[in-house]
Amino acid sequence: LYPDSFLFKRWGTDLREEEQTVAQNLFLKYGYNVYLSDRLPLDRLIKDTRSASCQRKTYPQALPTLSVVLIFMNEALSVILRAITSIINRTPSHLLKEVILVDDYSSNDDLKGPLEAHIKSYNAKHFGLLKIIRHQKREGLTQARISGWKASTADVVAILDAHIEVNVMWAEPILSRIKEDRTVIISPVFDNIHFDDFELLQYAVAADGFDWALWCLYEPLPAEWYALKDETAPVRSPSIMGILVAHREFLGEIGVLDGGMHIYGGENVELGLRAWQCGGKIEVLPCSRIAHLERTHKPYLPDLSISVRRNALRVAEVWMDDYKYMVYLAWNLPVENPGIDFGDISSRRELRKKLNCKSFDWYIKNVYPNLLALPNIVAYGTMKNMLKEDICIDQGPVPGNTPIMYVCHAYSPQHIFYHSTGEIYIGGLHARLNMIDRCLTDPGSGDLPVLEQCDTAVNKGLNMYWDFKQGSAVINRNTRRCLEIIEDNQASYRLVMQACSGQRWNIQHTLKDWGKTKDL
């Protein structure tokens, strides 16, 4: 019935038509296969994804106690119950002090009476283990996590999503590590529960990082970790994904989470920076594994980037000092007056002062050298030729290395970065070690400019340096040819290298008074 639905690519061939319709409607509502979830046992077994050396490792009996916080908003009931069941079954009962559910103003009926009834029956078996906090209005992810932290009473608090299943012995490695050092904030390793068939896909152990737009990404394991030759050793991590475990009081001392964050995004990067800059550290523990249910879409949040962008600026302004311009560059915003209200940051700046936190420069050099700052960028954004201002330079089809002129849309394929040293980067800004940024070059023959990896262009001595001032020609320093456009036909223009004919270009944003004074 639904040949285009992601749900039925690998699952559901044996369903009758009316069952397919029910399954598809639930899938559209939740972003994962609730029809199947409702039919799977709550205490299903999942594969133990720990390495053999993790499976052999033992931990002391006497460990700190644990509060587990589960955050949800209109999550499927069976998914929440499976999370609770896995936590109760796979956490030693003498260590598990409480499970706190935080409902961020759900509207689904089954999360009211029916959920309360389930909580009651769990509590009959486990003596008041479960508590629930219900927000009276939608407060967003960060506030929900803060509510859970405030309600927790154990030595250690784990703040998790409600669409997870914890794996065997997930808690002991974490509690044991926090017992050794209360200033460590820990992320388990995530495995992925497929949204369609609920099979577990094992993910490799990785560190957590981010790019300059503050989107999260996985980082390769650091060389120092491999040098230890111990697969069970903690991995030093620049940042943390959404799920965290910390010493409850220590998390409070460094300011929990930034309650001024909206909806989604950036809050985990903020915590990572604050932990490292203010006397803590972030580690990923290879022996602690949690399976996380991946949604295909977040039904309640069609455009994530709006809140991520706002929150990213908030983080930049509080924590990044002179490097904050990189975040503005990555989002293609003017550094002065970006026109985005990121809220009041005075209390967070105050906190930073009070805790006597280190600089972002210290963080880049000591914790995250993979993140590269580009100090020489003087102009950035979209670039237009004054002959025709509704088309912009674009990186062109990928794979491929021929830049083109294309209707302006201002997404990353049209982001240009001009350096005071003469390079022109085209396409999204990676600015990370081992990532490819591409530079504009003039091959010297033929009429097409070429994009080359910037490091390759340097090594091969290609013609990659350009003279350019706002509102004037773009001239290659070596070949003295100009970057210009020619009309192919009424509707299309080509980006070419040719003898200069006086065409002029403008770039969207400038930095550091570039182009305004003679000597720059």
Protein backbone atom coordinates (compact mmCIF):
# COMPACT_ATOMS: atom_id res chain seq x y z
CA LEU A 1 0.00 0.00 0.00
CA TYR A 2 2.82 2.44 0.79
CA PRO A 3 5.62 1.82 -1.72
CA ASP A 4 7.36 5.10 -0.79
CA SER A 5 7.19 4.75 2.98
CA PHE A 6 10.50 4.23 4.79
CA LEU A 7 8.66 1.95 7.18
CA PHE A 8 8.12 -0.89 4.71
CA LYS A 9 11.54 -1.03 3.06
CA ARG A 10 12.64 -3.99 5.20
CA TRP A 11 9.67 -4.81 7.37
CA GLY A 12 5.99 -5.65 7.21
CA THR A 13 5.64 -7.67 3.99
CA ASP A 14 3.30 -10.09 5.77
CA LEU A 15 0.83 -7.46 7.07
CA ARG A 16 -2.75 -7.24 5.83
CA GLU A 17 -3.79 -3.95 4.21
CA GLU A 18 -5.65 -2.59 7.24
CA GLU A 19 -2.65 -3.46 9.47
CA GLN A 20 -0.36 -1.63 7.05
CA THR A 21 -2.55 1.47 7.33
CA VAL A 22 -2.48 1.38 11.14
CA ALA A 23 1.31 0.87 11.11
CA GLN A 24 1.90 3.67 8.59
CA ASN A 25 -0.26 6.17 10.50
CA LEU A 26 1.56 5.41 13.76
CA PHE A 27 4.89 5.74 11.95
CA LEU A 28 3.98 9.19 10.62
CA LYS A 29 2.90 10.27 14.09
CA TYR A 30 6.00 9.04 15.97
CA GLY A 31 8.85 8.68 13.48
CA TYR A 32 9.41 5.01 14.38
CA ASN A 33 7.53 1.70 14.24
CA VAL A 34 5.07 1.87 17.14
CA TYR A 35 2.95 -0.92 15.62
CA LEU A 36 5.88 -3.31 16.11
CA SER A 37 6.97 -1.81 19.44
CA ASP A 38 3.51 -2.47 20.89
CA ARG A 39 3.90 -6.15 19.99
CA LEU A 40 7.46 -6.71 21.27
CA PRO A 41 8.03 -7.86 24.86
CA LEU A 42 8.93 -5.04 27.26
CA ASP A 43 11.72 -7.20 28.66
CA ARG A 44 13.09 -8.34 25.29
CA LEU A 45 16.71 -9.43 25.17
CA ILE A 46 19.11 -7.31 23.16
CA LYS A 47 22.55 -8.33 21.97
CA ASP A 48 25.40 -7.64 24.41
CA THR A 49 27.54 -5.30 22.30
CA ARG A 50 30.43 -4.95 24.75
CA SER A 51 33.90 -6.11 23.74
CA ALA A 52 35.21 -9.35 25.26
CA SER A 53 37.52 -7.41 27.59
CA CYS A 54 34.59 -5.31 28.83
CA GLN A 55 32.62 -8.51 29.47
CA ARG A 56 35.48 -9.85 31.61
CA LYS A 57 35.90 -6.68 33.67
CA THR A 58 34.59 -6.69 37.24
CA TYR A 59 33.53 -3.78 39.45
CA PRO A 60 33.38 -3.22 43.21
CA GLN A 61 30.08 -3.97 45.04
CA ALA A 62 30.17 -0.68 46.92
CA LEU A 63 29.38 1.95 44.33
CA PRO A 64 27.55 5.31 44.44
CA THR A 65 23.74 5.20 44.15
CA LEU A 66 21.99 6.15 40.92
CA SER A 67 18.94 8.20 39.90
CA VAL A 68 17.84 7.66 36.30
CA VAL A 69 15.91 10.49 34.64
CA LEU A 70 13.87 9.74 31.50
CA ILE A 71 12.69 12.73 29.44
CA PHE A 72 9.72 12.43 27.10
CA MET A 73 7.16 14.36 25.11
CA ASN A 74 4.48 12.39 23.26
CA GLU A 75 6.67 9.29 23.11
CA ALA A 76 4.98 5.93 22.41
CA LEU A 77 3.89 4.32 25.69
CA SER A 78 5.42 0.91 24.87
CA VAL A 79 8.78 2.58 24.15
CA ILE A 80 8.78 4.34 27.54
CA LEU A 81 7.79 1.14 29.36
CA ARG A 82 10.54 -0.82 27.59
CA ALA A 83 13.08 1.82 28.70
CA ILE A 84 11.89 1.56 32.32
CA THR A 85 11.89 -2.25 32.21
CA SER A 86 15.43 -2.39 30.82
CA ILE A 87 16.66 -0.01 33.55
CA ILE A 88 15.04 -2.04 36.34
CA ASN A 89 16.23 -5.39 34.93
CA ARG A 90 19.78 -4.34 34.06
CA THR A 91 20.77 -2.09 36.97
CA PRO A 92 21.72 -3.66 40.33
CA SER A 93 18.75 -2.97 42.62
CA HIS A 94 20.96 -1.92 45.56
CA LEU A 95 22.38 0.89 43.36
CA LEU A 96 19.21 2.05 41.59
CA LYS A 97 17.60 4.57 43.92
CA GLU A 98 14.87 5.94 41.65
CA VAL A 99 13.63 6.33 38.09
CA ILE A 100 12.23 9.81 37.46
CA LEU A 101 10.01 10.37 34.43
CA VAL A 102 9.79 13.94 33.17
CA ASP A 103 6.84 14.64 30.89
CA ASP A 104 7.36 17.85 28.92
CA TYR A 105 3.63 18.54 28.50
CA SER A 106 2.58 15.56 26.38
CA SER A 107 -0.88 15.62 24.84
CA ASN A 108 -1.25 11.89 24.07
CA ASP A 109 -3.97 10.26 26.19
CA ASP A 110 -2.06 7.03 26.82
CA LEU A 111 0.63 9.05 28.64
CA LYS A 112 -1.93 10.15 31.24
CA GLY A 113 -4.15 7.53 32.93
CA PRO A 114 -2.61 4.42 31.30
CA LEU A 115 0.97 5.51 32.12
CA GLU A 116 -0.04 6.31 35.73
CA ALA A 117 -1.51 2.80 36.02
CA HIS A 118 1.75 1.25 34.81
CA ILE A 119 3.76 3.39 37.26
CA LYS A 120 1.51 2.17 40.05
CA SER A 121 2.10 -1.47 39.15
CA TYR A 122 5.90 -1.00 38.90
CA ASN A 123 5.86 0.73 42.28
CA ALA A 124 3.87 -2.10 43.84
CA LYS A 125 6.73 -4.45 42.89
CA HIS A 126 9.61 -2.06 43.49
CA PHE A 127 8.50 0.06 46.46
CA GLY A 128 8.09 3.57 45.11
CA LEU A 129 10.99 3.36 42.64
CA LEU A 130 9.22 5.41 39.94
CA LYS A 131 8.33 9.10 40.19
CA ILE A 132 6.80 11.33 37.54
CA ILE A 133 7.11 15.08 37.03
CA ARG A 134 4.69 16.72 34.63
CA HIS A 135 5.39 20.15 33.16
CA GLN A 136 2.33 22.41 32.92
CA LYS A 137 3.55 23.87 29.63
CA ARG A 138 6.09 22.87 26.96
CA GLU A 139 9.48 23.84 28.37
CA GLY A 140 11.86 22.07 26.00
CA LEU A 141 14.53 19.45 26.36
CA THR A 142 16.96 21.38 28.53
CA GLN A 143 14.37 22.46 31.09
CA ALA A 144 13.04 18.89 31.26
CA ARG A 145 16.55 17.64 32.03
CA ILE A 146 16.97 20.33 34.69
CA SER A 147 13.61 19.32 36.28
CA GLY A 148 14.81 15.71 36.45
CA TRP A 149 18.14 16.73 37.98
CA LYS A 150 16.38 18.89 40.60
CA ALA A 151 14.14 15.98 41.63
CA SER A 152 16.96 13.43 41.85
CA THR A 153 18.40 12.42 45.22
CA ALA A 154 21.04 9.72 44.51
CA ASP A 155 24.82 10.28 44.40
CA VAL A 156 24.87 10.07 40.62
CA VAL A 157 22.26 11.11 38.06
CA ALA A 158 21.83 9.66 34.57
CA ILE A 159 19.79 11.91 32.29
CA LEU A 160 18.53 9.80 29.39
CA ASP A 161 16.01 9.96 26.57
CA ALA A 162 12.95 7.77 27.07
CA HIS A 163 13.46 6.04 23.69
CA ILE A 164 16.37 3.86 24.83
CA GLU A 165 17.10 0.41 26.19
CA VAL A 166 20.06 0.09 28.53
CA ASN A 167 22.31 -2.89 27.91
CA VAL A 168 23.71 -5.39 30.37
CA MET A 169 26.02 -3.92 33.08
CA TRP A 170 25.63 -0.42 31.68
CA ALA A 171 25.72 1.28 35.08
CA GLU A 172 28.65 -0.33 36.90
CA PRO A 173 31.46 1.08 34.69
CA ILE A 174 29.99 4.58 35.02
CA LEU A 175 29.45 4.47 38.79
CA SER A 176 32.89 3.01 39.30
CA ARG A 177 34.53 5.79 37.22
CA ILE A 178 32.59 8.57 38.99
CA LYS A 179 33.57 7.03 42.32
CA GLU A 180 37.23 7.48 41.26
CA ASP A 181 36.68 11.04 40.03
CA ARG A 182 33.54 13.08 40.78
CA THR A 183 34.42 15.70 38.14
CA VAL A 184 33.97 13.36 35.16
CA ILE A 185 30.79 13.67 33.11
CA ILE A 186 30.17 10.47 31.25
CA SER A 187 28.55 9.37 28.04
CA PRO A 188 27.87 5.70 27.42
CA VAL A 189 28.44 4.31 23.92
CA PHE A 190 25.27 4.36 21.82
CA ASP A 191 24.06 1.54 19.66
CA ASN A 192 21.22 2.16 17.25
CA ILE A 193 17.76 0.58 17.40
CA HIS A 194 16.44 0.60 13.81
CA PHE A 195 13.26 2.68 13.56
CA ASP A 196 11.57 0.07 11.35
CA ASP A 197 12.36 -3.45 12.60
CA PHE A 198 13.73 -2.54 16.09
CA GLU A 199 16.86 -4.62 15.42
CA LEU A 200 19.99 -3.47 17.22
CA LEU A 201 22.82 -2.09 15.10
CA GLN A 202 26.14 -1.99 16.92
CA TYR A 203 27.99 1.32 16.62
CA ALA A 204 31.74 1.67 17.01
CA VAL A 205 33.15 3.39 20.08
CA ALA A 206 33.88 7.03 19.20
CA ALA A 207 34.49 10.34 20.90
CA ASP A 208 31.85 13.09 20.61
CA GLY A 209 32.65 16.36 18.90
CA PHE A 210 30.98 19.15 16.96
CA ASP A 211 31.55 21.43 14.00
CA TRP A 212 31.57 25.24 14.09
CA ALA A 213 27.80 25.36 13.58
CA LEU A 214 27.69 23.27 16.81
CA TRP A 215 26.08 20.26 15.15
CA CYS A 216 27.23 17.09 16.89
CA LEU A 217 29.40 14.53 15.18
CA TYR A 218 31.49 11.50 16.02
CA GLU A 219 35.25 11.93 16.29
CA PRO A 220 37.78 9.14 15.73
CA LEU A 221 39.32 7.75 18.91
CA PRO A 222 42.38 9.71 20.05
CA ALA A 223 45.87 8.23 19.51
CA GLU A 224 46.49 8.39 23.28
CA TRP A 225 43.59 5.99 23.82
CA TYR A 226 44.97 3.44 21.34
CA ALA A 227 48.39 3.77 22.99
CA LEU A 228 46.91 2.44 26.26
CA LYS A 229 46.11 -0.89 24.52
CA ASP A 230 43.09 -1.27 26.82
CA GLU A 231 39.67 -1.39 25.15
CA THR A 232 37.96 -0.79 28.49
CA ALA A 233 39.76 2.52 29.16
CA PRO A 234 37.70 5.74 29.24
CA VAL A 235 37.90 7.84 26.05
CA ARG A 236 38.64 11.52 26.56
CA SER A 237 35.95 13.37 24.60
CA PRO A 238 35.73 17.05 23.57
CA SER A 239 31.95 17.04 23.89
CA ILE A 240 28.96 14.91 24.77
CA MET A 241 25.85 13.80 22.87
CA GLY A 242 22.46 14.30 24.51
CA ILE A 243 22.73 11.57 27.12
CA LEU A 244 24.85 12.17 30.21
CA VAL A 245 25.71 10.71 33.59
CA ALA A 246 27.31 12.86 36.28
CA HIS A 247 27.88 13.21 40.00
CA ARG A 248 24.66 14.97 41.00
CA GLU A 249 26.29 17.57 43.24
CA PHE A 250 29.20 18.26 40.87
CA LEU A 251 26.75 18.87 38.01
CA GLY A 252 25.01 21.41 40.25
CA GLU A 253 28.30 23.09 41.18
CA ILE A 254 29.13 23.79 37.53
CA GLY A 255 25.63 25.04 36.69
CA VAL A 256 23.69 21.91 35.54
CA LEU A 257 22.48 22.91 32.05
CA ASP A 258 21.79 26.30 30.48
CA GLY A 259 18.06 26.83 31.04
CA GLY A 260 18.08 29.60 28.43
CA MET A 261 18.47 27.06 25.61
CA HIS A 262 15.40 26.69 23.36
CA ILE A 263 13.80 23.41 22.26
CA TYR A 264 16.75 21.48 20.87
CA GLY A 265 20.41 21.68 19.92
CA GLY A 266 23.62 23.14 21.29
CA GLU A 267 22.84 22.32 24.95
CA ASN A 268 25.19 19.33 24.90
CA VAL A 269 28.05 21.33 23.33
CA GLU A 270 27.50 23.97 26.01
CA LEU A 271 27.81 21.36 28.75
CA GLY A 272 30.97 19.92 27.17
CA LEU A 273 32.68 23.30 26.98
CA ARG A 274 31.61 24.26 30.48
CA ALA A 275 32.78 20.95 31.94
CA TRP A 276 36.24 21.20 30.35
CA GLN A 277 36.71 24.95 30.85
CA CYS A 278 35.48 24.90 34.46
CA GLY A 279 37.41 22.05 36.04
CA GLY A 280 35.61 18.91 34.88
CA LYS A 281 36.07 16.55 31.97
CA ILE A 282 34.02 14.50 29.52
CA GLU A 283 34.62 10.81 28.87
CA VAL A 284 32.96 8.11 26.80
CA LEU A 285 33.01 4.71 28.52
CA PRO A 286 33.40 1.81 26.07
CA CYS A 287 32.02 -0.74 28.55
CA SER A 288 28.74 1.09 29.13
CA ARG A 289 26.29 0.65 26.26
CA ILE A 290 22.84 2.06 25.67
CA ALA A 291 20.67 1.33 22.65
CA HIS A 292 19.03 4.46 21.28
CA LEU A 293 15.96 4.41 19.04
CA GLU A 294 16.63 6.58 16.02
CA ARG A 295 13.64 8.45 14.60
CA THR A 296 13.41 9.05 10.86
CA HIS A 297 11.86 12.44 11.56
CA LYS A 298 11.15 14.48 14.66
CA PRO A 299 7.40 15.00 14.30
CA TYR A 300 7.30 17.92 16.74
CA LEU A 301 10.16 19.84 15.16
CA PRO A 302 10.10 20.23 11.40
CA ASP A 303 13.05 22.66 11.24
CA LEU A 304 15.75 21.90 13.76
CA SER A 305 18.17 24.44 12.43
CA ILE A 306 16.30 27.49 13.78
CA SER A 307 16.74 26.51 17.43
CA VAL A 308 20.22 25.04 16.88
CA ARG A 309 21.35 28.32 15.31
CA ARG A 310 19.95 30.43 18.14
CA ASN A 311 21.45 28.17 20.80
CA ALA A 312 24.79 28.05 18.97
CA LEU A 313 25.11 31.85 19.16
CA ARG A 314 24.27 31.69 22.85
CA VAL A 315 27.08 29.18 23.44
CA ALA A 316 29.50 31.22 21.32
CA GLU A 317 28.81 34.43 23.23
CA VAL A 318 29.26 32.85 26.66
CA TRP A 319 32.10 30.37 26.10
CA MET A 320 34.08 31.02 22.91
CA ASP A 321 35.78 34.38 23.48
CA ASP A 322 37.64 35.57 20.36
CA TYR A 323 36.75 32.39 18.48
CA LYS A 324 33.03 33.12 18.47
CA TYR A 325 33.22 34.61 14.97
CA MET A 326 33.72 31.05 13.63
CA VAL A 327 30.18 30.15 14.73
CA TYR A 328 28.77 33.22 12.96
CA LEU A 329 30.74 32.25 9.84
CA ALA A 330 29.45 28.68 9.95
CA TRP A 331 25.83 29.92 10.11
CA ASN A 332 26.56 32.66 7.54
CA LEU A 333 25.45 35.45 9.89
CA PRO A 334 26.92 38.92 10.31
CA VAL A 335 29.00 39.10 13.50
CA GLU A 336 27.53 42.51 14.32
CA ASN A 337 23.73 42.53 14.71
CA PRO A 338 22.92 39.02 13.46
CA GLY A 339 19.22 39.73 14.07
CA ILE A 340 18.77 36.68 16.29
CA ASP A 341 17.67 36.96 19.90
CA PHE A 342 19.66 34.38 21.86
CA GLY A 343 18.23 35.49 25.20
CA ASP A 344 19.80 36.92 28.34
CA ILE A 345 23.26 35.46 28.95
CA SER A 346 24.29 37.57 31.92
CA SER A 347 23.76 34.80 34.51
CA ARG A 348 25.81 32.32 32.44
CA ARG A 349 28.64 34.82 32.03
CA GLU A 350 28.45 35.43 35.77
CA LEU A 351 28.68 31.67 36.40
CA ARG A 352 31.75 31.46 34.17
CA LYS A 353 33.41 34.25 36.14
CA LYS A 354 32.47 32.73 39.50
CA LEU A 355 33.86 29.31 38.57
CA ASN A 356 37.04 30.93 37.26
CA CYS A 357 36.82 28.96 34.01
CA LYS A 358 39.58 28.66 31.44
CA SER A 359 39.55 30.31 28.02
CA PHE A 360 38.26 28.77 24.81
CA ASP A 361 41.79 29.13 23.45
CA TRP A 362 42.94 26.74 26.20
CA TYR A 363 40.11 24.35 25.24
CA ILE A 364 41.03 24.33 21.52
CA LYS A 365 44.71 23.76 22.26
CA ASN A 366 44.36 21.17 25.02
CA VAL A 367 41.08 19.38 24.41
CA TYR A 368 39.97 19.80 20.80
CA PRO A 369 42.90 20.53 18.47
CA ASN A 370 40.90 18.89 15.61
CA LEU A 371 38.71 21.99 15.45
CA LEU A 372 40.54 24.56 13.36
CA ALA A 373 39.99 28.29 13.61
CA LEU A 374 40.56 30.35 10.47
CA PRO A 375 41.89 33.70 11.66
CA ASN A 376 42.43 35.20 8.19
CA ILE A 377 38.87 35.23 6.89
CA VAL A 378 37.90 38.80 6.03
CA ALA A 379 34.76 38.29 3.94
CA TYR A 380 32.18 35.53 3.68
CA GLY A 381 28.68 34.55 2.59
CA THR A 382 27.16 34.49 -0.87
CA MET A 383 28.99 36.14 -3.76
CA LYS A 384 27.21 37.90 -6.62
CA ASN A 385 28.30 39.50 -9.86
CA MET A 386 26.94 43.03 -10.28
CA LEU A 387 25.77 42.19 -13.82
CA LYS A 388 23.19 39.74 -12.49
CA GLU A 389 22.33 39.75 -8.82
CA ASP A 390 19.85 36.87 -8.52
CA ILE A 391 22.53 34.23 -9.13
CA CYS A 392 25.39 33.28 -6.82
CA ILE A 393 28.66 31.38 -7.05
CA ASP A 394 27.90 27.75 -6.12
CA GLN A 395 30.20 24.76 -5.62
CA GLY A 396 28.34 22.95 -8.41
CA PRO A 397 27.47 19.26 -8.60
CA VAL A 398 29.19 16.90 -6.12
CA PRO A 399 31.11 14.75 -6.99
CA GLY A 400 32.68 17.25 -9.33
CA ASN A 401 35.00 20.21 -8.99
CA THR A 402 33.58 22.88 -11.29
CA PRO A 403 31.96 25.84 -9.53
CA ILE A 404 28.92 27.31 -11.29
CA MET A 405 26.48 30.21 -11.12
CA TYR A 406 23.14 29.15 -9.64
CA VAL A 407 19.97 30.80 -8.35
CA CYS A 408 20.84 32.21 -4.90
CA HIS A 409 19.58 30.08 -2.00
CA ALA A 410 22.29 30.89 0.57
CA TYR A 411 22.74 27.32 1.87
CA SER A 412 26.23 25.95 2.41
CA PRO A 413 27.08 25.05 -1.25
CA GLN A 414 27.00 28.83 -1.84
CA HIS A 415 29.04 29.85 1.18
CA ILE A 416 32.27 31.58 0.16
CA PHE A 417 35.14 32.47 2.51
CA TYR A 418 37.77 34.98 1.37
CA HIS A 419 41.06 35.08 3.29
CA SER A 420 43.29 38.12 3.71
CA THR A 421 46.03 35.87 2.30
CA GLY A 422 44.08 35.48 -0.96
CA GLU A 423 42.46 32.03 -0.79
CA ILE A 424 38.77 31.64 -1.65
CA TYR A 425 37.04 28.65 -0.02
CA ILE A 426 33.80 27.53 -1.68
CA GLY A 427 31.16 25.26 -0.10
CA GLY A 428 30.38 24.63 3.58
CA LEU A 429 33.13 25.48 6.03
CA HIS A 430 34.59 22.34 7.58
CA ALA A 431 37.60 23.87 9.34
CA ARG A 432 38.47 20.57 10.94
CA LEU A 433 41.56 18.42 10.83
CA ASN A 434 41.37 15.79 8.07
CA MET A 435 38.26 17.33 6.55
CA ILE A 436 38.28 18.70 3.03
CA ASP A 437 37.86 22.43 2.46
CA ARG A 438 37.95 23.33 -1.23
CA CYS A 439 39.72 26.33 -2.74
CA LEU A 440 39.07 28.16 -5.99
CA THR A 441 41.94 27.81 -8.51
CA ASP A 442 42.64 29.03 -12.04
CA PRO A 443 44.10 26.12 -14.04
CA GLY A 444 45.74 28.68 -16.35
CA SER A 445 44.37 27.14 -19.53
CA GLY A 446 40.80 26.61 -20.65
CA ASP A 447 38.03 28.86 -19.42
CA LEU A 448 36.72 26.99 -16.35
CA PRO A 449 37.78 27.66 -12.75
CA VAL A 450 38.44 24.51 -10.68
CA LEU A 451 37.84 23.64 -7.01
CA GLU A 452 40.76 21.77 -5.43
CA GLN A 453 41.34 20.55 -1.89
CA CYS A 454 43.10 23.49 -0.29
CA ASP A 455 46.00 21.44 1.08
CA THR A 456 46.53 19.78 -2.35
CA ALA A 457 46.44 23.19 -4.03
CA VAL A 458 49.18 24.43 -1.70
CA ASN A 459 51.35 21.32 -2.22
CA LYS A 460 51.00 21.43 -6.01
CA GLY A 461 51.61 25.18 -6.18
CA LEU A 462 48.31 25.78 -8.01
CA ASN A 463 47.02 29.26 -8.83
CA MET A 464 44.90 29.64 -5.70
CA TYR A 465 45.49 33.24 -4.57
CA TRP A 466 43.16 36.03 -5.63
CA ASP A 467 43.06 39.80 -5.34
CA PHE A 468 39.61 41.05 -4.49
CA LYS A 469 38.03 44.09 -2.91
CA GLN A 470 34.31 44.56 -2.26
CA GLY A 471 32.66 45.86 -5.44
CA SER A 472 35.61 45.15 -7.71
CA ALA A 473 37.14 42.42 -9.90
CA VAL A 474 38.31 39.00 -8.69
CA ILE A 475 41.79 38.63 -10.21
CA ASN A 476 44.07 35.60 -9.97
CA ARG A 477 47.46 36.77 -8.66
CA ASN A 478 49.46 34.44 -10.89
CA THR A 479 47.59 34.28 -14.17
CA ARG A 480 46.10 37.81 -13.93
CA ARG A 481 42.89 36.39 -15.40
CA CYS A 482 39.56 37.41 -13.90
CA LEU A 483 36.68 35.35 -12.53
CA GLU A 484 33.72 36.49 -14.62
CA ILE A 485 30.34 35.38 -15.94
CA ILE A 486 29.26 34.97 -19.55
CA GLU A 487 25.75 34.55 -20.86
CA ASP A 488 25.23 31.12 -22.41
CA ASN A 489 21.69 31.94 -23.47
CA GLN A 490 18.88 34.11 -22.12
CA ALA A 491 18.39 31.92 -19.10
CA SER A 492 21.83 30.83 -18.01
CA TYR A 493 25.20 32.23 -17.11
CA ARG A 494 28.53 30.44 -16.89
CA LEU A 495 31.31 31.11 -14.38
CA VAL A 496 34.56 31.45 -16.37
CA MET A 497 38.21 32.52 -16.25
CA GLN A 498 38.97 35.13 -18.91
CA ALA A 499 40.82 38.35 -19.70
CA CYS A 500 39.47 40.99 -17.34
CA SER A 501 36.60 43.00 -18.81
CA GLY A 502 35.78 45.06 -15.73
CA GLN A 503 33.12 42.84 -14.13
CA ARG A 504 32.65 43.48 -10.42
CA TRP A 505 31.65 41.27 -7.48
CA ASN A 506 30.13 41.73 -4.02
CA ILE A 507 30.34 39.36 -1.06
CA GLN A 508 27.62 39.27 1.60
CA HIS A 509 29.49 39.89 4.89
CA THR A 510 32.81 41.49 5.78
CA LEU A 511 34.95 41.27 8.91
CA LYS A 512 37.58 43.40 10.63
CA ASP A 513 36.92 46.57 8.62
CA TRP A 514 38.10 44.74 5.51
CA GLY A 515 37.80 46.81 2.38
CA LYS A 516 37.11 49.97 4.38
CA THR A 517 40.70 51.13 4.81
CA LYS A 518 43.54 51.43 2.32
CA ASP A 519 46.04 49.14 4.00
CA LEU A 520 43.76 46.10 4.35
